[in-house]
Protein backbone atom coordinates (compact mmCIF):
# COMPACT_ATOMS: atom_id res chain seq x y z
CA MET A 1 -1.50 3.09 13.86
CA LEU A 2 1.58 2.78 16.08
CA LEU A 3 4.62 1.40 14.30
CA LYS A 4 8.10 0.65 15.60
CA ILE A 5 10.27 2.68 13.25
CA THR A 6 13.74 4.19 13.43
CA HIS A 7 15.13 6.96 11.25
CA HIS A 8 18.57 8.27 10.46
CA ARG A 9 19.10 10.58 7.53
CA HIS A 10 22.45 9.35 6.25
CA LYS A 11 22.85 5.80 7.50
CA MET A 12 19.86 3.52 7.30
CA LYS A 13 19.69 -0.13 8.21
CA LEU A 14 16.89 -2.26 6.73
CA LEU A 15 14.57 -3.26 9.52
CA PRO A 16 13.62 -6.96 9.54
CA PHE A 17 10.04 -6.13 10.49
CA LEU A 18 9.44 -3.88 7.46
CA PRO A 19 7.33 -6.50 5.58
CA LEU A 20 5.32 -7.16 8.75
CA THR A 21 4.80 -3.44 9.33
CA LEU A 22 3.46 -2.92 5.82
CA SER A 23 1.34 -6.07 5.75
CA VAL A 24 -0.99 -4.70 8.47
CA VAL A 25 -1.60 -1.35 6.72
CA ARG A 26 -5.21 -0.69 5.72
CA VAL A 27 -6.66 2.64 4.64
CA ASN A 28 -10.33 3.46 5.27
CA THR A 29 -11.26 4.91 1.87
CA GLN A 30 -14.63 6.35 2.90
CA ALA A 31 -13.13 8.11 5.92
CA VAL A 32 -10.38 9.59 3.71
CA LEU A 33 -12.90 10.88 1.16
CA LYS A 34 -15.12 12.35 3.89
CA ARG A 35 -12.19 14.16 5.51
CA ALA A 36 -11.01 15.53 2.15
CA GLN A 37 -14.53 16.79 1.41
CA HIS A 38 -14.63 18.50 4.81
CA ILE A 39 -11.32 20.28 4.16
CA GLN A 40 -12.51 21.50 0.75
CA GLY A 41 -15.75 22.78 2.27
CA ARG A 42 -14.07 25.01 4.84
CA LYS A 43 -14.58 28.75 4.50
CA LEU A 44 -11.40 30.47 3.32
CA ALA A 45 -9.89 33.68 4.65
CA LYS A 46 -10.91 36.95 3.00
CA LYS A 47 -9.47 40.45 2.52
CA GLN A 48 -6.20 41.17 4.34
CA TRP A 49 -6.13 37.72 5.92
CA GLN A 50 -6.39 36.11 2.50
CA ALA A 51 -3.60 38.34 1.18
CA ALA A 52 -1.38 37.27 4.10
CA TRP A 53 -2.07 33.57 3.47
CA LEU A 54 -1.37 34.02 -0.23
CA LEU A 55 2.02 35.57 0.51
CA LYS A 56 2.69 32.60 2.80
CA ALA A 57 1.85 30.31 -0.12
CA VAL A 58 4.28 32.19 -2.38
CA THR A 59 7.13 31.49 0.06
CA CYS A 60 6.36 27.76 -0.15
CA ILE A 61 6.34 27.47 -3.97
CA ASP A 62 8.96 25.49 -5.84
CA LEU A 63 8.73 27.58 -9.02
CA THR A 64 9.06 25.00 -11.76
CA THR A 65 9.76 24.61 -15.43
CA LEU A 66 9.92 21.05 -16.75
CA ALA A 67 9.36 21.41 -20.47
CA GLY A 68 11.08 19.97 -23.50
CA ASP A 69 11.74 23.46 -24.83
CA ASP A 70 13.47 24.80 -21.70
CA THR A 71 16.43 27.02 -22.59
CA PRO A 72 18.95 29.03 -20.56
CA SER A 73 16.91 32.19 -21.24
CA ASN A 74 13.59 30.97 -19.84
CA VAL A 75 15.37 29.38 -16.86
CA HIS A 76 16.99 32.79 -16.27
CA ARG A 77 13.55 34.44 -16.38
CA LEU A 78 12.20 31.81 -13.97
CA CYS A 79 15.00 32.56 -11.51
CA LEU A 80 14.38 36.31 -11.62
CA LYS A 81 10.67 35.70 -11.04
CA ALA A 82 11.49 33.44 -8.07
CA ILE A 83 13.61 36.21 -6.53
CA GLN A 84 10.87 38.83 -7.04
CA PRO A 85 7.67 36.74 -7.21
CA VAL A 86 5.24 39.61 -6.57
CA ARG A 87 5.53 43.05 -8.14
CA TYR A 88 7.51 45.42 -5.89
CA ASP A 89 4.87 48.16 -5.78
CA LEU A 90 2.21 45.65 -4.68
CA LEU A 91 4.43 44.42 -1.85
CA LYS A 92 5.19 48.00 -0.83
CA SER A 93 1.47 48.78 -0.60
CA MET A 94 1.22 45.88 1.87
CA ASP A 95 4.39 46.93 3.74
CA MET A 96 6.00 43.64 2.70
CA HIS A 97 8.61 44.97 0.26
CA ASP A 98 11.48 44.57 2.73
CA LYS A 99 10.46 41.23 4.24
CA GLY A 100 12.41 39.05 1.79
CA VAL A 101 9.42 37.48 0.05
CA THR A 102 10.74 34.95 -2.48
CA THR A 103 9.64 31.52 -3.61
CA ALA A 104 11.11 28.54 -1.73
CA ALA A 105 13.20 27.29 -4.67
CA VAL A 106 13.36 26.92 -8.43
CA CYS A 107 12.94 23.44 -9.91
CA VAL A 108 14.38 22.39 -13.28
CA TYR A 109 15.66 19.40 -15.23
CA PRO A 110 19.22 18.21 -14.43
CA SER A 111 20.60 19.65 -17.67
CA ARG A 112 19.35 23.10 -16.68
CA VAL A 113 20.71 23.12 -13.11
CA ALA A 114 23.94 24.90 -14.07
CA ASP A 115 21.91 27.61 -15.87
CA ALA A 116 19.76 28.18 -12.78
CA VAL A 117 22.75 28.28 -10.43
CA LYS A 118 24.50 30.78 -12.71
CA SER A 119 21.44 33.06 -12.92
CA LEU A 120 20.86 33.07 -9.16
CA LYS A 121 24.54 33.68 -8.43
CA ALA A 122 24.57 36.61 -10.86
CA ALA A 123 21.57 38.05 -9.02
CA ASN A 124 23.35 37.57 -5.66
CA SER A 125 20.61 35.21 -4.49
CA SER A 126 20.98 32.18 -2.22
CA LEU A 127 17.70 30.64 -3.40
CA PRO A 128 17.97 26.82 -3.58
CA VAL A 129 17.97 25.04 -6.94
CA ALA A 130 15.98 21.81 -7.05
CA SER A 131 16.40 19.25 -9.79
CA VAL A 132 14.22 16.33 -10.78
CA ALA A 133 16.20 13.15 -11.35
CA THR A 134 16.19 9.32 -11.45
CA GLY A 135 14.60 9.02 -14.88
CA PHE A 136 11.88 11.61 -14.26
CA PRO A 137 8.96 11.23 -14.81
CA ALA A 138 8.66 7.47 -15.45
CA GLY A 139 11.69 6.21 -13.50
CA GLN A 140 12.10 3.49 -16.12
CA THR A 141 15.84 3.83 -16.73
CA PRO A 142 18.53 1.51 -15.29
CA LEU A 143 19.41 2.09 -11.63
CA LYS A 144 23.02 2.98 -12.50
CA THR A 145 21.80 5.73 -14.84
CA ARG A 146 19.37 7.08 -12.27
CA LEU A 147 22.05 7.26 -9.59
CA GLU A 148 24.48 9.02 -11.93
CA GLU A 149 21.80 11.56 -12.81
CA VAL A 150 21.46 12.43 -9.12
CA ARG A 151 25.22 12.81 -8.67
CA MET A 152 25.56 15.01 -11.76
CA ALA A 153 22.76 17.34 -10.61
CA VAL A 154 24.46 17.71 -7.19
CA VAL A 155 27.84 18.43 -8.83
CA ASP A 156 26.19 21.12 -10.99
CA GLY A 157 24.90 22.86 -7.87
CA ALA A 158 21.46 21.42 -7.05
CA THR A 159 20.83 21.48 -3.30
CA GLU A 160 17.49 19.67 -3.53
CA ILE A 161 16.77 16.54 -5.58
CA ASP A 162 13.26 15.39 -6.50
CA ILE A 163 13.57 11.66 -7.17
CA VAL A 164 10.86 9.37 -8.55
CA ILE A 165 10.18 5.91 -7.16
CA ASN A 166 10.09 2.79 -9.28
CA ARG A 167 6.34 2.26 -9.50
CA THR A 168 6.83 -1.33 -10.68
CA LEU A 169 8.29 -2.22 -7.28
CA ALA A 170 5.37 -0.61 -5.46
CA LEU A 171 2.69 -2.23 -7.63
CA THR A 172 4.24 -5.69 -7.25
CA GLY A 173 4.73 -5.34 -3.49
CA GLN A 174 8.54 -5.34 -3.58
CA TRP A 175 8.79 -2.85 -0.72
CA GLU A 176 12.23 -3.92 0.50
CA ALA A 177 13.66 -3.49 -3.01
CA MET A 178 12.08 -0.03 -3.19
CA TYR A 179 13.55 0.82 0.20
CA ASP A 180 17.01 -0.26 -0.99
CA GLU A 181 16.75 1.89 -4.15
CA ILE A 182 15.68 4.99 -2.24
CA CYS A 183 18.51 4.45 0.26
CA GLN A 184 20.95 4.48 -2.67
CA PHE A 185 19.39 7.71 -3.97
CA ARG A 186 19.70 9.17 -0.46
CA GLU A 187 23.42 8.34 -0.42
CA ALA A 188 23.91 9.79 -3.93
CA CYS A 189 22.25 13.06 -2.80
CA GLY A 190 24.88 13.63 -0.15
CA ASP A 191 23.99 16.82 1.72
CA ALA A 192 21.27 17.77 -0.79
CA HIS A 193 17.69 17.49 0.44
CA MET A 194 15.81 14.59 -1.14
CA LYS A 195 12.13 14.80 -2.09
CA THR A 196 10.62 11.46 -3.09
CA ILE A 197 7.89 11.57 -5.74
CA LEU A 198 5.36 8.76 -5.32
CA ALA A 199 3.49 9.36 -8.60
CA ILE A 200 0.23 8.61 -6.79
CA GLY A 201 -1.79 8.48 -10.02
CA GLU A 202 0.00 5.24 -10.87
CA LEU A 203 -0.07 3.49 -7.47
CA GLY A 204 -3.64 2.22 -7.74
CA THR A 205 -4.87 2.35 -4.14
CA PHE A 206 -4.72 4.54 -1.03
CA THR A 207 -3.12 1.62 0.80
CA ASN A 208 -0.25 1.55 -1.70
CA VAL A 209 0.14 5.33 -1.28
CA TYR A 210 0.42 4.96 2.50
CA LYS A 211 2.90 2.09 2.21
CA ALA A 212 5.03 3.94 -0.35
CA SER A 213 4.99 7.04 1.89
CA LEU A 214 6.20 5.03 4.86
CA VAL A 215 8.96 3.25 2.91
CA ALA A 216 10.18 6.54 1.42
CA MET A 217 10.41 8.14 4.86
CA MET A 218 12.15 5.13 6.40
CA ALA A 219 14.73 5.29 3.60
CA GLY A 220 15.70 8.84 4.51
CA SER A 221 13.48 11.16 2.44
CA ASP A 222 13.35 14.77 3.62
CA PHE A 223 10.02 15.26 1.78
CA ILE A 224 7.43 13.05 0.18
CA LYS A 225 5.81 14.48 -2.95
CA THR A 226 2.55 13.49 -4.62
CA SER A 227 3.27 13.57 -8.34
CA THR A 228 5.52 14.42 -11.25
CA GLY A 229 2.78 16.53 -12.84
CA LYS A 230 2.98 14.28 -15.89
CA GLU A 231 0.47 11.62 -14.77
CA ALA A 232 -3.25 11.64 -15.54
CA VAL A 233 -4.01 12.11 -11.82
CA ASN A 234 -1.77 14.40 -9.79
CA ALA A 235 -2.18 16.19 -6.45
CA THR A 236 -5.63 15.46 -5.00
CA TYR A 237 -6.88 16.17 -1.50
CA PRO A 238 -7.83 12.55 -0.62
CA VAL A 239 -4.35 11.31 -1.52
CA ALA A 240 -2.85 14.19 0.45
CA ILE A 241 -4.82 13.10 3.53
CA VAL A 242 -3.30 9.62 3.26
CA MET A 243 0.24 10.97 2.81
CA VAL A 244 0.07 13.53 5.63
CA ARG A 245 -1.39 10.94 7.99
CA ALA A 246 1.61 8.74 7.14
CA ILE A 247 3.87 11.71 7.95
CA ARG A 248 2.04 12.19 11.26
CA ASP A 249 2.29 8.48 12.18
CA TYR A 250 5.98 8.52 11.31
CA PHE A 251 6.59 11.60 13.43
CA LEU A 252 4.74 10.10 16.41
CA CYS A 253 6.92 6.99 16.18
CA THR A 254 10.31 8.56 15.50
CA GLY A 255 10.11 12.23 16.46
CA HIS A 256 11.39 13.03 12.96
CA LYS A 257 9.52 15.58 10.84
CA VAL A 258 9.24 14.85 7.11
CA GLY A 259 8.02 17.50 4.68
CA PHE A 260 5.15 17.28 2.20
CA LYS A 261 4.98 18.58 -1.37
CA PRO A 262 1.81 18.41 -3.48
CA ALA A 263 2.56 18.98 -7.17
CA GLY A 264 0.74 18.80 -10.48
CA GLY A 265 -2.42 20.65 -11.44
CA ILE A 266 -2.25 23.29 -8.67
CA ARG A 267 -3.12 26.44 -10.60
CA THR A 268 -5.32 28.78 -8.56
CA ALA A 269 -4.90 30.92 -5.45
CA LYS A 270 -7.97 29.28 -3.95
CA GLU A 271 -6.36 25.84 -4.26
CA ALA A 272 -3.23 27.14 -2.54
CA LEU A 273 -5.38 28.31 0.39
CA VAL A 274 -7.02 24.89 0.66
CA TRP A 275 -3.59 23.21 0.72
CA LEU A 276 -2.42 25.50 3.51
CA THR A 277 -5.62 24.80 5.46
CA LEU A 278 -5.07 21.06 5.05
CA MET A 279 -1.50 21.29 6.35
CA LYS A 280 -2.46 23.45 9.34
CA GLU A 281 -5.31 21.15 10.38
CA GLU A 282 -3.58 17.82 9.77
CA LEU A 283 0.03 18.52 10.78
CA GLY A 284 0.07 21.88 12.56
CA ASP A 285 1.88 25.20 12.20
CA ASP A 286 5.37 23.69 11.81
CA TRP A 287 4.29 22.41 8.39
CA LEU A 288 3.35 25.90 7.17
CA HIS A 289 6.97 26.82 6.42
CA PRO A 290 9.12 25.99 3.37
CA HIS A 291 11.42 23.65 5.31
CA LEU A 292 8.45 21.25 5.70
CA PHE A 293 5.93 22.30 3.04
CA ARG A 294 6.31 23.07 -0.65
CA LEU A 295 3.88 23.62 -3.51
CA GLY A 296 5.16 22.32 -6.82
CA ALA A 297 3.76 24.64 -9.46
CA SER A 298 4.49 26.52 -12.66
CA SER A 299 1.35 28.61 -13.25
CA LEU A 300 0.08 29.02 -9.65
CA LEU A 301 2.19 32.10 -8.93
CA ALA A 302 0.54 34.09 -11.73
CA ASP A 303 -2.92 33.62 -10.21
CA ILE A 304 -1.72 34.43 -6.69
CA GLU A 305 -0.14 37.67 -7.93
CA ARG A 306 -3.38 38.47 -9.74
CA GLN A 307 -5.36 38.05 -6.52
CA ILE A 308 -2.89 40.22 -4.58
CA TYR A 309 -3.18 42.89 -7.31
CA HIS A 310 -6.96 42.79 -6.81
CA TYR A 311 -6.58 43.12 -3.03
CA VAL A 312 -4.28 46.16 -3.38
CA THR A 313 -6.03 48.00 -6.25
CA GLY A 314 -9.61 46.75 -6.07
CA GLN A 315 -9.54 45.61 -9.69
CA TYR A 316 -8.14 42.68 -11.65
CA ALA A 317 -4.97 43.12 -13.67
CA ALA A 318 -4.93 43.06 -17.44
CA PHE A 319 -2.75 40.33 -18.92
CA HIS A 320 0.09 42.75 -19.72
CA GLU A 321 0.21 44.37 -16.27
CA LEU A 322 1.90 41.52 -14.42
CA PRO A 323 5.30 40.00 -15.27
CA MET A 324 5.29 36.49 -16.68
CA ALA A 325 5.66 33.70 -14.13
């Protein structure tokens, strides 16, 4: 669908035709499900081509820990793993040891941002630190508190902020109010990149997902992200189709490229390959790089490294043979 939309990252003006734009949105559910099924049914690369795609996936991972028992020590370990995500000898066997293979970023709670920044600085790494914010995962704290959380994370050194939308506003059709909130988050982020989490498992319909995607992009989001990983339903391929089609429509109207980040429940190397296939087919090669595509994951890297170990050695690694992710 062709929409009249304007975008500016730092200074947005609410467009009077926003309610009209959203009122005409309809998503063809059966077509979405059929397209998702087709993507999942595609044959995946094998042998050296698979290994190359898996290394590409590694460079797009936001290596994440969002647990109640996070401590400075396990954040430190996470950072070291992000800097050296695949064992050095495996990379050397593939002649990739000197190509700067790292994850895209590390992602932590706001209270752990300073720990992550300290660990990366000590390791002489410029890897970005991403922080969830705005009352993650529910977004049910007062707006003032959510804004302050963003500002504090930025002050502590986060260069990427993963905000959550207020699902109440989406479910009750208060799209202009949601736009205003996200604009305020955008301003609070300053120069930090802003990823907007839609929490698709709580939006009810594909149409709501499309509308929320559009509003988030119009309000200045650098990325739109599927889930917090804490909902019952997280990153699914049908929802991804809806979100990436919104990104495509937005790009065709504005010329502005917005990134996409699936997160929650992505655990296997095979899934990572399907996600890369989806991005290549739906949005093209530009969206196969970390500035426009991220995989939010905590356990995915371990399986990818296991598959790379198998490619290099011809056998699967024992549990103790690979460093903890």
